[in-house]
């Protein structure tokens, strides 16, 4: 099983999403961020679950959708690195 790591940018994305959602509901913000933080755990056993993004080759960068959120991650030999995440309606 591979180690799961979060990049600084991905952690900042989680905080940014929480801050945005908290304006309407602190509880909804917490639930959403917790769900997004747990979602990549399944990649530890199935790292190639997500769609591969060939524009990042030779790196193996993939994405999964969690509700209306996109999580991008990189598959490495011993680890999975969560790179970024955002709502699919955001301009990215």
Protein backbone atom coordinates (compact mmCIF):
# COMPACT_ATOMS: atom_id res chain seq x y z
CA UNK A 1 0.00 0.00 0.00
CA UNK A 2 1.34 3.42 -0.96
CA UNK A 3 1.83 6.35 1.34
CA UNK A 4 -0.59 9.25 0.85
CA UNK A 5 0.90 12.75 0.94
CA UNK A 6 -0.63 16.19 0.47
CA UNK A 7 1.17 19.04 -1.27
CA UNK A 8 1.15 22.48 0.34
CA UNK A 9 -0.99 23.74 -2.50
CA UNK A 10 -3.58 20.99 -1.96
CA UNK A 11 -3.74 21.80 1.75
CA UNK A 12 -4.14 25.48 0.88
CA UNK A 13 -6.95 24.50 -1.52
CA UNK A 14 -8.77 22.69 1.32
CA UNK A 15 -8.46 25.77 3.52
CA UNK A 16 -9.64 28.07 0.71
CA UNK A 17 -12.69 25.87 0.07
CA UNK A 18 -13.50 25.74 3.77
CA UNK A 19 -13.24 29.52 4.08
CA UNK A 20 -15.54 30.00 1.09
CA UNK A 21 -18.17 27.48 2.25
CA UNK A 22 -18.05 28.63 5.88
CA UNK A 23 -19.70 31.91 4.88
CA UNK A 24 -22.97 30.01 4.39
CA UNK A 25 -22.60 27.17 6.88
CA UNK A 26 -19.74 26.14 9.14
CA UNK A 27 -21.20 22.62 9.38
CA UNK A 28 -21.50 22.21 5.61
CA UNK A 29 -17.97 23.53 5.16
CA UNK A 30 -16.60 21.03 7.68
CA UNK A 31 -18.49 18.10 6.10
CA UNK A 32 -17.34 18.99 2.61
CA UNK A 33 -13.69 19.40 3.57
CA UNK A 34 -13.73 16.18 5.60
CA UNK A 35 -15.22 14.30 2.65
CA UNK A 36 -12.59 15.71 0.29
CA UNK A 37 -9.79 14.91 2.73
CA UNK A 38 -10.93 11.27 3.04
CA UNK A 39 -11.55 10.66 -0.68
CA UNK A 40 -7.90 10.10 -1.72
CA UNK A 41 -7.48 7.30 0.86
CA UNK A 42 -8.94 4.80 -1.61
CA UNK A 43 -6.10 5.65 -4.01
CA UNK A 44 -3.58 4.03 -1.68
CA UNK A 45 -4.75 0.58 -2.84
CA UNK A 46 -6.02 1.62 -6.30
CA UNK A 47 -3.69 4.41 -7.43
CA UNK A 48 -4.74 4.26 -11.06
CA UNK A 49 -8.43 4.65 -10.30
CA UNK A 50 -8.53 8.17 -11.72
CA UNK A 51 -8.35 9.38 -15.30
CA UNK A 52 -4.78 9.97 -16.48
CA UNK A 53 -3.91 13.50 -17.60
CA UNK A 54 -1.39 12.97 -20.37
CA UNK A 55 -0.46 16.65 -20.66
CA UNK A 56 1.71 16.17 -17.53
CA UNK A 57 3.79 13.31 -19.00
CA UNK A 58 6.25 11.92 -18.14
CA UNK A 59 4.75 12.41 -14.66
CA UNK A 60 1.75 10.21 -13.95
CA UNK A 61 -0.84 12.78 -12.94
CA UNK A 62 -4.44 11.66 -12.62
CA UNK A 63 -7.75 13.07 -11.43
CA UNK A 64 -10.80 11.86 -9.60
CA UNK A 65 -14.13 13.60 -9.17
CA UNK A 66 -15.70 13.74 -5.73
CA UNK A 67 -19.15 15.19 -6.17
CA UNK A 68 -18.54 18.51 -7.89
CA UNK A 69 -14.89 18.67 -6.86
CA UNK A 70 -11.84 17.60 -8.83
CA UNK A 71 -8.81 16.17 -7.06
CA UNK A 72 -5.55 15.91 -9.00
CA UNK A 73 -2.84 13.59 -7.78
CA UNK A 74 0.47 12.11 -8.87
CA UNK A 75 1.30 8.41 -8.72
CA UNK A 76 4.88 7.72 -7.67
CA UNK A 77 6.65 4.46 -6.90
CA UNK A 78 6.04 4.50 -3.16
CA UNK A 79 3.45 7.23 -2.74
CA UNK A 80 0.42 9.12 -3.96
CA UNK A 81 0.72 12.90 -3.79
CA UNK A 82 -2.44 14.98 -3.78
CA UNK A 83 -1.51 18.00 -5.88
CA UNK A 84 -4.58 20.26 -6.08
CA UNK A 85 -8.34 20.29 -5.63
CA UNK A 86 -11.14 22.66 -6.54
CA UNK A 87 -14.83 22.94 -7.36
CA UNK A 88 -15.49 22.11 -11.01
CA UNK A 89 -17.18 25.47 -11.54
CA UNK A 90 -14.01 27.34 -10.65
CA UNK A 91 -11.92 28.70 -13.50
CA UNK A 92 -8.88 26.42 -13.61
